[in-house]
Amino acid sequence: MDKGTIMGFDLRSMILTAGAEPQKSSPAAVNIKSLQQSAKKNESRVRILVPDDYLVPSTWGSRGALYNIGGIIFPYTPSITYDVRADYAAVKPVHSNYTQYFYKYSAAGAINITGKFTVQNEQDAINYISTVHLLKALTKMRFGSDTDAGAPPPVCRLSAYGKYVMDSIPISIATYKIDMPAEVDYFTLGKNPNSPNTTYGQTSVPVSATVSITCNSMYSRDEMQKFSVTDWLSNYQGVYL
């Protein structure tokens, strides 16, 4: 049998000539827009920055209050709780007085934010409705006629009280809870026929309510690979919990 032939196939006929190789496809271009610099640098109130396409007329707030800040702002100091842990595996040697622990991994738990909203006028009512409407969108996947149908809820950025507390932490909104108590009055928009509210119509909101939000930290692989304990201690970056 000819050395250039295997099982009847001529190997010489299978050699690709120059230019016959398949063209290599160009890598996909990904446009990433940072949310870290979207808000005023001297703003220290608790706020959640959201992607620009979530800020539309129904979520702008009164006179663009939510649009100008870049997302959700808490008018009163909210309660914030979160936990960070180092997890260890336990080994219990036979005939030993003590359990031995071996490090497994570290993790940041959910961030819980509970804040109060009050409504005394039309501007307050619009800001409250815009906040609730925005939270509804932030917990939904893209679906149906959306151009990016199937995309999960967006990653937002949480900042509070300056660099050494929370500074642009990547989060997703896991849950939100709206308190609409029965023992308070309700402010109604759109009651005046001479100045109807074209965006929200006739809508009633409580004059005092509590909004609770649970967030998950959403660190990307790139952010995790850039983390350094040495750098973190010497030049703290608030993006990490």
C-alpha atoms as a PDB file:
ATOM      1  CA  MET A   1       0.000   0.000   0.000  1.00  0.00           C
ATOM      2  CA  ASP A   2       1.230   3.496  -0.845  1.00  0.00           C
ATOM      3  CA  LYS A   3       2.570   5.338   2.221  1.00  0.00           C
ATOM      4  CA  GLY A   4       0.392   8.306   1.284  1.00  0.00           C
ATOM      5  CA  THR A   5      -2.722   6.150   1.404  1.00  0.00           C
ATOM      6  CA  ILE A   6      -4.642   4.950   4.484  1.00  0.00           C
ATOM      7  CA  MET A   7      -7.634   2.644   4.049  1.00  0.00           C
ATOM      8  CA  GLY A   8      -8.027   3.770   0.454  1.00  0.00           C
ATOM      9  CA  PHE A   9      -7.886   7.520   1.160  1.00  0.00           C
ATOM     10  CA  ASP A  10      -5.188   9.590  -0.529  1.00  0.00           C
ATOM     11  CA  LEU A  11      -3.747  11.780   2.221  1.00  0.00           C
ATOM     12  CA  ARG A  12      -2.118  14.087  -0.347  1.00  0.00           C
ATOM     13  CA  SER A  13      -5.538  15.127  -1.625  1.00  0.00           C
ATOM     14  CA  MET A  14      -6.540  16.153   1.912  1.00  0.00           C
ATOM     15  CA  ILE A  15      -3.749  18.737   2.307  1.00  0.00           C
ATOM     16  CA  LEU A  16      -5.172  22.282   2.361  1.00  0.00           C
ATOM     17  CA  THR A  17      -3.637  24.731  -0.023  1.00  0.00           C
ATOM     18  CA  ALA A  18      -2.757  28.283   1.025  1.00  0.00           C
ATOM     19  CA  GLY A  19      -5.842  30.389   1.500  1.00  0.00           C
ATOM     20  CA  ALA A  20      -8.151  27.416   1.919  1.00  0.00           C
ATOM     21  CA  GLU A  21      -8.167  27.569   5.712  1.00  0.00           C
ATOM     22  CA  PRO A  22     -11.447  28.690   7.304  1.00  0.00           C
ATOM     23  CA  GLN A  23     -11.482  32.352   8.269  1.00  0.00           C
ATOM     24  CA  LYS A  24     -11.131  33.042  11.946  1.00  0.00           C
ATOM     25  CA  SER A  25     -14.112  34.870  13.390  1.00  0.00           C
ATOM     26  CA  SER A  26     -13.511  38.160  15.174  1.00  0.00           C
ATOM     27  CA  PRO A  27     -14.079  38.118  18.937  1.00  0.00           C
ATOM     28  CA  ALA A  28     -17.399  39.543  20.055  1.00  0.00           C
ATOM     29  CA  ALA A  29     -17.243  43.152  21.131  1.00  0.00           C
ATOM     30  CA  VAL A  30     -18.692  43.816  24.586  1.00  0.00           C
ATOM     31  CA  ASN A  31     -19.538  47.367  25.565  1.00  0.00           C
ATOM     32  CA  ILE A  32     -19.443  47.834  29.316  1.00  0.00           C
ATOM     33  CA  LYS A  33     -20.597  51.093  30.839  1.00  0.00           C
ATOM     34  CA  SER A  34     -19.405  51.853  34.341  1.00  0.00           C
ATOM     35  CA  LEU A  35     -21.959  52.934  36.894  1.00  0.00           C
ATOM     36  CA  GLN A  36     -19.340  53.863  39.448  1.00  0.00           C
ATOM     37  CA  GLN A  37     -19.061  57.511  38.426  1.00  0.00           C
ATOM     38  CA  SER A  38     -22.712  58.126  37.614  1.00  0.00           C
ATOM     39  CA  ALA A  39     -23.561  59.896  40.871  1.00  0.00           C
ATOM     40  CA  LYS A  40     -22.137  62.981  42.499  1.00  0.00           C
ATOM     41  CA  LYS A  41     -18.879  62.161  44.237  1.00  0.00           C
ATOM     42  CA  ASN A  42     -19.840  64.120  47.358  1.00  0.00           C
ATOM     43  CA  GLU A  43     -23.177  62.306  47.732  1.00  0.00           C
ATOM     44  CA  SER A  44     -23.058  60.104  50.836  1.00  0.00           C
ATOM     45  CA  ARG A  45     -26.737  59.137  51.193  1.00  0.00           C
ATOM     46  CA  VAL A  46     -27.800  55.547  50.577  1.00  0.00           C
ATOM     47  CA  ARG A  47     -28.504  55.112  46.871  1.00  0.00           C
ATOM     48  CA  ILE A  48     -28.777  52.389  44.269  1.00  0.00           C
ATOM     49  CA  LEU A  49     -27.514  53.295  40.809  1.00  0.00           C
ATOM     50  CA  VAL A  50     -29.267  51.560  37.911  1.00  0.00           C
ATOM     51  CA  PRO A  51     -28.551  51.243  34.158  1.00  0.00           C
ATOM     52  CA  ASP A  52     -29.632  54.278  32.132  1.00  0.00           C
ATOM     53  CA  ASP A  53     -32.279  52.416  30.124  1.00  0.00           C
ATOM     54  CA  TYR A  54     -34.244  51.801  33.348  1.00  0.00           C
ATOM     55  CA  LEU A  55     -34.631  55.541  33.923  1.00  0.00           C
ATOM     56  CA  VAL A  56     -37.646  56.496  31.811  1.00  0.00           C
ATOM     57  CA  PRO A  57     -40.483  59.021  32.368  1.00  0.00           C
ATOM     58  CA  SER A  58     -42.334  56.608  34.688  1.00  0.00           C
ATOM     59  CA  THR A  59     -39.218  56.195  36.901  1.00  0.00           C
ATOM     60  CA  TRP A  60     -37.619  59.639  36.629  1.00  0.00           C
ATOM     61  CA  GLY A  61     -39.214  60.972  39.778  1.00  0.00           C
ATOM     62  CA  SER A  62     -40.441  64.479  40.374  1.00  0.00           C
ATOM     63  CA  ARG A  63     -38.433  66.978  38.335  1.00  0.00           C
ATOM     64  CA  GLY A  64     -36.026  64.195  37.461  1.00  0.00           C
ATOM     65  CA  ALA A  65     -35.018  63.484  41.076  1.00  0.00           C
ATOM     66  CA  LEU A  66     -34.271  59.784  40.454  1.00  0.00           C
ATOM     67  CA  TYR A  67     -32.848  60.482  37.005  1.00  0.00           C
ATOM     68  CA  ASN A  68     -30.393  63.071  38.358  1.00  0.00           C
ATOM     69  CA  ILE A  69     -29.120  60.746  41.094  1.00  0.00           C
ATOM     70  CA  GLY A  70     -28.955  57.779  38.712  1.00  0.00           C
ATOM     71  CA  GLY A  71     -31.435  55.500  40.486  1.00  0.00           C
ATOM     72  CA  ILE A  72     -33.035  54.999  43.899  1.00  0.00           C
ATOM     73  CA  ILE A  73     -32.341  57.403  46.748  1.00  0.00           C
ATOM     74  CA  PHE A  74     -33.467  56.881  50.335  1.00  0.00           C
ATOM     75  CA  PRO A  75     -34.802  60.184  51.730  1.00  0.00           C
ATOM     76  CA  TYR A  76     -34.279  59.066  55.339  1.00  0.00           C
ATOM     77  CA  THR A  77     -31.406  57.126  56.857  1.00  0.00           C
ATOM     78  CA  PRO A  78     -32.327  53.457  56.310  1.00  0.00           C
ATOM     79  CA  SER A  79     -31.372  50.415  58.330  1.00  0.00           C
ATOM     80  CA  ILE A  80     -28.692  48.302  56.599  1.00  0.00           C
ATOM     81  CA  THR A  81     -27.538  44.849  57.670  1.00  0.00           C
ATOM     82  CA  TYR A  82     -25.230  42.376  55.954  1.00  0.00           C
ATOM     83  CA  ASP A  83     -22.835  39.609  56.915  1.00  0.00           C
ATOM     84  CA  VAL A  84     -19.462  38.461  55.618  1.00  0.00           C
ATOM     85  CA  ARG A  85     -18.093  35.115  56.658  1.00  0.00           C
ATOM     86  CA  ALA A  86     -15.081  32.836  56.322  1.00  0.00           C
ATOM     87  CA  ASP A  87     -16.242  29.222  56.048  1.00  0.00           C
ATOM     88  CA  TYR A  88     -14.213  26.378  57.522  1.00  0.00           C
ATOM     89  CA  ALA A  89     -14.491  22.601  57.289  1.00  0.00           C
ATOM     90  CA  ALA A  90     -14.332  20.733  60.592  1.00  0.00           C
ATOM     91  CA  VAL A  91     -12.226  17.625  61.160  1.00  0.00           C
ATOM     92  CA  LYS A  92     -12.682  15.712  64.404  1.00  0.00           C
ATOM     93  CA  PRO A  93      -9.684  13.448  65.041  1.00  0.00           C
ATOM     94  CA  VAL A  94     -10.297  10.364  67.170  1.00  0.00           C
ATOM     95  CA  HIS A  95      -9.044  10.660  70.770  1.00  0.00           C
ATOM     96  CA  SER A  96      -8.534  14.431  70.472  1.00  0.00           C
ATOM     97  CA  ASN A  97      -9.647  17.218  72.774  1.00  0.00           C
ATOM     98  CA  TYR A  98     -10.167  19.755  70.003  1.00  0.00           C
ATOM     99  CA  THR A  99     -11.737  19.985  66.571  1.00  0.00           C
ATOM    100  CA  GLN A 100      -9.430  21.085  63.763  1.00  0.00           C
ATOM    101  CA  TYR A 101     -10.668  23.623  61.223  1.00  0.00           C
ATOM    102  CA  PHE A 102      -9.512  24.066  57.621  1.00  0.00           C
ATOM    103  CA  TYR A 103     -10.384  27.110  55.576  1.00  0.00           C
ATOM    104  CA  LYS A 104     -12.744  26.552  52.628  1.00  0.00           C
ATOM    105  CA  TYR A 105     -13.857  29.936  51.252  1.00  0.00           C
ATOM    106  CA  SER A 106     -15.089  33.412  52.147  1.00  0.00           C
ATOM    107  CA  ALA A 107     -18.485  34.818  51.159  1.00  0.00           C
ATOM    108  CA  ALA A 108     -20.575  37.953  51.486  1.00  0.00           C
ATOM    109  CA  GLY A 109     -24.194  37.417  52.459  1.00  0.00           C
ATOM    110  CA  ALA A 110     -27.304  39.312  51.417  1.00  0.00           C
ATOM    111  CA  ILE A 111     -27.544  43.055  52.060  1.00  0.00           C
ATOM    112  CA  ASN A 112     -30.823  44.077  53.679  1.00  0.00           C
ATOM    113  CA  ILE A 113     -31.987  47.700  53.407  1.00  0.00           C
ATOM    114  CA  THR A 114     -35.113  49.007  55.124  1.00  0.00           C
ATOM    115  CA  GLY A 115     -36.029  52.645  54.636  1.00  0.00           C
ATOM    116  CA  LYS A 116     -38.933  54.974  55.342  1.00  0.00           C
ATOM    117  CA  PHE A 117     -40.726  57.053  52.724  1.00  0.00           C
ATOM    118  CA  THR A 118     -43.102  59.896  53.567  1.00  0.00           C
ATOM    119  CA  VAL A 119     -45.467  61.721  51.223  1.00  0.00           C
ATOM    120  CA  GLN A 120     -46.553  65.289  51.984  1.00  0.00           C
ATOM    121  CA  ASN A 121     -47.090  66.653  48.500  1.00  0.00           C
ATOM    122  CA  GLU A 122     -47.270  65.724  44.836  1.00  0.00           C
ATOM    123  CA  GLN A 123     -43.486  65.692  44.427  1.00  0.00           C
ATOM    124  CA  ASP A 124     -43.073  63.176  47.270  1.00  0.00           C
ATOM    125  CA  ALA A 125     -45.832  61.003  45.828  1.00  0.00           C
ATOM    126  CA  ILE A 126     -44.218  60.916  42.391  1.00  0.00           C
ATOM    127  CA  ASN A 127     -40.831  59.988  43.874  1.00  0.00           C
ATOM    128  CA  TYR A 128     -42.410  57.150  45.868  1.00  0.00           C
ATOM    129  CA  ILE A 129     -44.314  55.781  42.850  1.00  0.00           C
ATOM    130  CA  SER A 130     -41.191  56.038  40.670  1.00  0.00           C
ATOM    131  CA  THR A 131     -39.159  54.103  43.251  1.00  0.00           C
ATOM    132  CA  VAL A 132     -41.716  51.293  43.512  1.00  0.00           C
ATOM    133  CA  HIS A 133     -42.138  51.139  39.735  1.00  0.00           C
ATOM    134  CA  LEU A 134     -38.367  50.942  39.287  1.00  0.00           C
ATOM    135  CA  LEU A 135     -38.081  48.103  41.810  1.00  0.00           C
ATOM    136  CA  LYS A 136     -40.700  46.146  39.863  1.00  0.00           C
ATOM    137  CA  ALA A 137     -38.570  46.425  36.721  1.00  0.00           C
ATOM    138  CA  LEU A 138     -35.285  45.621  38.473  1.00  0.00           C
ATOM    139  CA  THR A 139     -36.594  42.233  39.610  1.00  0.00           C
ATOM    140  CA  LYS A 140     -37.830  41.104  36.172  1.00  0.00           C
ATOM    141  CA  MET A 141     -36.006  39.368  33.327  1.00  0.00           C
ATOM    142  CA  ARG A 142     -36.295  40.705  29.793  1.00  0.00           C
ATOM    143  CA  PHE A 143     -39.086  38.873  28.032  1.00  0.00           C
ATOM    144  CA  GLY A 144     -41.502  38.769  25.111  1.00  0.00           C
ATOM    145  CA  SER A 145     -40.947  41.639  22.677  1.00  0.00           C
ATOM    146  CA  ASP A 146     -37.792  42.892  24.413  1.00  0.00           C
ATOM    147  CA  THR A 147     -34.859  43.070  22.012  1.00  0.00           C
ATOM    148  CA  ASP A 148     -32.701  41.301  24.626  1.00  0.00           C
ATOM    149  CA  ALA A 149     -35.348  38.790  25.704  1.00  0.00           C
ATOM    150  CA  GLY A 150     -33.942  36.273  28.169  1.00  0.00           C
ATOM    151  CA  ALA A 151     -31.529  38.724  29.813  1.00  0.00           C
ATOM    152  CA  PRO A 152     -31.609  38.484  33.631  1.00  0.00           C
ATOM    153  CA  PRO A 153     -32.325  41.440  35.945  1.00  0.00           C
ATOM    154  CA  PRO A 154     -29.546  44.022  35.764  1.00  0.00           C
ATOM    155  CA  VAL A 155     -26.550  44.514  38.012  1.00  0.00           C
ATOM    156  CA  CYS A 156     -26.819  47.788  39.926  1.00  0.00           C
ATOM    157  CA  ARG A 157     -24.420  49.653  42.211  1.00  0.00           C
ATOM    158  CA  LEU A 158     -24.992  50.320  45.903  1.00  0.00           C
ATOM    159  CA  SER A 159     -23.265  53.220  47.641  1.00  0.00           C
ATOM    160  CA  ALA A 160     -23.668  54.531  51.176  1.00  0.00           C
ATOM    161  CA  TYR A 161     -21.816  56.796  53.599  1.00  0.00           C
ATOM    162  CA  GLY A 162     -18.578  57.133  51.681  1.00  0.00           C
ATOM    163  CA  LYS A 163     -15.601  55.121  50.496  1.00  0.00           C
ATOM    164  CA  TYR A 164     -14.894  53.209  53.703  1.00  0.00           C
ATOM    165  CA  VAL A 165     -18.445  51.926  54.129  1.00  0.00           C
ATOM    166  CA  MET A 166     -20.058  51.069  50.779  1.00  0.00           C
ATOM    167  CA  ASP A 167     -18.682  52.480  47.563  1.00  0.00           C
ATOM    168  CA  SER A 168     -20.211  51.228  44.306  1.00  0.00           C
ATOM    169  CA  ILE A 169     -20.826  47.623  45.372  1.00  0.00           C
ATOM    170  CA  PRO A 170     -22.222  45.549  42.463  1.00  0.00           C
ATOM    171  CA  ILE A 171     -25.608  44.140  43.462  1.00  0.00           C
ATOM    172  CA  SER A 172     -28.776  42.597  42.099  1.00  0.00           C
ATOM    173  CA  ILE A 173     -32.183  43.213  43.655  1.00  0.00           C
ATOM    174  CA  ALA A 174     -33.292  39.840  45.002  1.00  0.00           C
ATOM    175  CA  THR A 175     -36.481  40.851  46.805  1.00  0.00           C
ATOM    176  CA  TYR A 176     -38.361  43.972  47.770  1.00  0.00           C
ATOM    177  CA  LYS A 177     -41.221  44.426  50.220  1.00  0.00           C
ATOM    178  CA  ILE A 178     -43.658  47.321  50.167  1.00  0.00           C
ATOM    179  CA  ASP A 179     -45.529  48.246  53.341  1.00  0.00           C
ATOM    180  CA  MET A 180     -48.948  49.856  52.696  1.00  0.00           C
ATOM    181  CA  PRO A 181     -50.379  50.294  56.209  1.00  0.00           C
ATOM    182  CA  ALA A 182     -54.095  50.701  56.880  1.00  0.00           C
ATOM    183  CA  GLU A 183     -53.726  53.148  59.758  1.00  0.00           C
ATOM    184  CA  VAL A 184     -52.311  56.039  57.690  1.00  0.00           C
ATOM    185  CA  ASP A 185     -53.828  58.450  55.196  1.00  0.00           C
ATOM    186  CA  TYR A 186     -53.275  58.102  51.458  1.00  0.00           C
ATOM    187  CA  PHE A 187     -52.266  60.901  49.120  1.00  0.00           C
ATOM    188  CA  THR A 188     -53.967  60.768  45.712  1.00  0.00           C
ATOM    189  CA  LEU A 189     -52.424  62.119  42.545  1.00  0.00           C
ATOM    190  CA  GLY A 190     -54.560  63.317  39.631  1.00  0.00           C
ATOM    191  CA  LYS A 191     -57.578  64.428  41.677  1.00  0.00           C
ATOM    192  CA  ASN A 192     -57.504  67.939  40.279  1.00  0.00           C
ATOM    193  CA  PRO A 193     -59.180  67.854  36.816  1.00  0.00           C
ATOM    194  CA  ASN A 194     -57.520  71.154  35.903  1.00  0.00           C
ATOM    195  CA  SER A 195     -54.023  69.674  36.300  1.00  0.00           C
ATOM    196  CA  PRO A 196     -54.242  65.909  35.666  1.00  0.00           C
ATOM    197  CA  ASN A 197     -51.182  63.723  36.059  1.00  0.00           C
ATOM    198  CA  THR A 198     -50.536  62.389  32.558  1.00  0.00           C
ATOM    199  CA  THR A 199     -47.977  59.779  33.661  1.00  0.00           C
ATOM    200  CA  TYR A 200     -49.561  58.092  36.677  1.00  0.00           C
ATOM    201  CA  GLY A 201     -53.207  59.123  36.382  1.00  0.00           C
ATOM    202  CA  GLN A 202     -55.220  58.992  39.591  1.00  0.00           C
ATOM    203  CA  THR A 203     -52.996  57.013  41.945  1.00  0.00           C
ATOM    204  CA  SER A 204     -53.018  56.829  45.759  1.00  0.00           C
ATOM    205  CA  VAL A 205     -49.937  56.241  47.923  1.00  0.00           C
ATOM    206  CA  PRO A 206     -49.508  56.048  51.729  1.00  0.00           C
ATOM    207  CA  VAL A 207     -48.265  59.204  53.444  1.00  0.00           C
ATOM    208  CA  SER A 208     -45.887  57.031  55.475  1.00  0.00           C
ATOM    209  CA  ALA A 209     -44.562  53.685  54.288  1.00  0.00           C
ATOM    210  CA  THR A 210     -41.595  51.344  54.611  1.00  0.00           C
ATOM    211  CA  VAL A 211     -39.671  49.843  51.697  1.00  0.00           C
ATOM    212  CA  SER A 212     -37.433  46.819  52.349  1.00  0.00           C
ATOM    213  CA  ILE A 213     -34.912  45.611  49.778  1.00  0.00           C
ATOM    214  CA  THR A 214     -32.706  42.516  49.800  1.00  0.00           C
ATOM    215  CA  CYS A 215     -29.629  42.647  47.559  1.00  0.00           C
ATOM    216  CA  ASN A 216     -27.093  40.043  46.496  1.00  0.00           C
ATOM    217  CA  SER A 217     -23.490  41.078  45.868  1.00  0.00           C
ATOM    218  CA  MET A 218     -22.638  40.334  42.229  1.00  0.00           C
ATOM    219  CA  TYR A 219     -18.847  40.390  41.871  1.00  0.00           C
ATOM    220  CA  SER A 220     -17.621  39.500  38.418  1.00  0.00           C
ATOM    221  CA  ARG A 221     -14.739  37.091  37.839  1.00  0.00           C
ATOM    222  CA  ASP A 222     -12.605  40.041  36.720  1.00  0.00           C
ATOM    223  CA  GLU A 223     -13.296  41.947  39.949  1.00  0.00           C
ATOM    224  CA  MET A 224     -12.524  38.878  42.058  1.00  0.00           C
ATOM    225  CA  GLN A 225      -9.228  38.261  40.251  1.00  0.00           C
ATOM    226  CA  LYS A 226      -8.154  41.866  40.834  1.00  0.00           C
ATOM    227  CA  PHE A 227      -8.753  41.619  44.579  1.00  0.00           C
ATOM    228  CA  SER A 228      -5.659  41.721  46.781  1.00  0.00           C
ATOM    229  CA  VAL A 229      -5.712  41.739  50.590  1.00  0.00           C
ATOM    230  CA  THR A 230      -2.416  43.655  50.659  1.00  0.00           C
ATOM    231  CA  ASP A 231      -3.736  46.351  48.313  1.00  0.00           C
ATOM    232  CA  TRP A 232      -7.065  46.385  50.122  1.00  0.00           C
ATOM    233  CA  LEU A 233      -5.385  47.115  53.456  1.00  0.00           C
ATOM    234  CA  SER A 234      -3.072  49.796  52.107  1.00  0.00           C
ATOM    235  CA  ASN A 235      -5.466  51.428  49.602  1.00  0.00           C
ATOM    236  CA  TYR A 236      -8.986  50.464  50.578  1.00  0.00           C
ATOM    237  CA  GLN A 237     -11.496  50.126  47.748  1.00  0.00           C
ATOM    238  CA  GLY A 238     -15.075  50.256  48.994  1.00  0.00           C
ATOM    239  CA  VAL A 239     -16.294  48.155  46.080  1.00  0.00           C
ATOM    240  CA  TYR A 240     -15.537  45.061  48.195  1.00  0.00           C
ATOM    241  CA  LEU A 241     -17.463  44.013  51.306  1.00  0.00           C
END
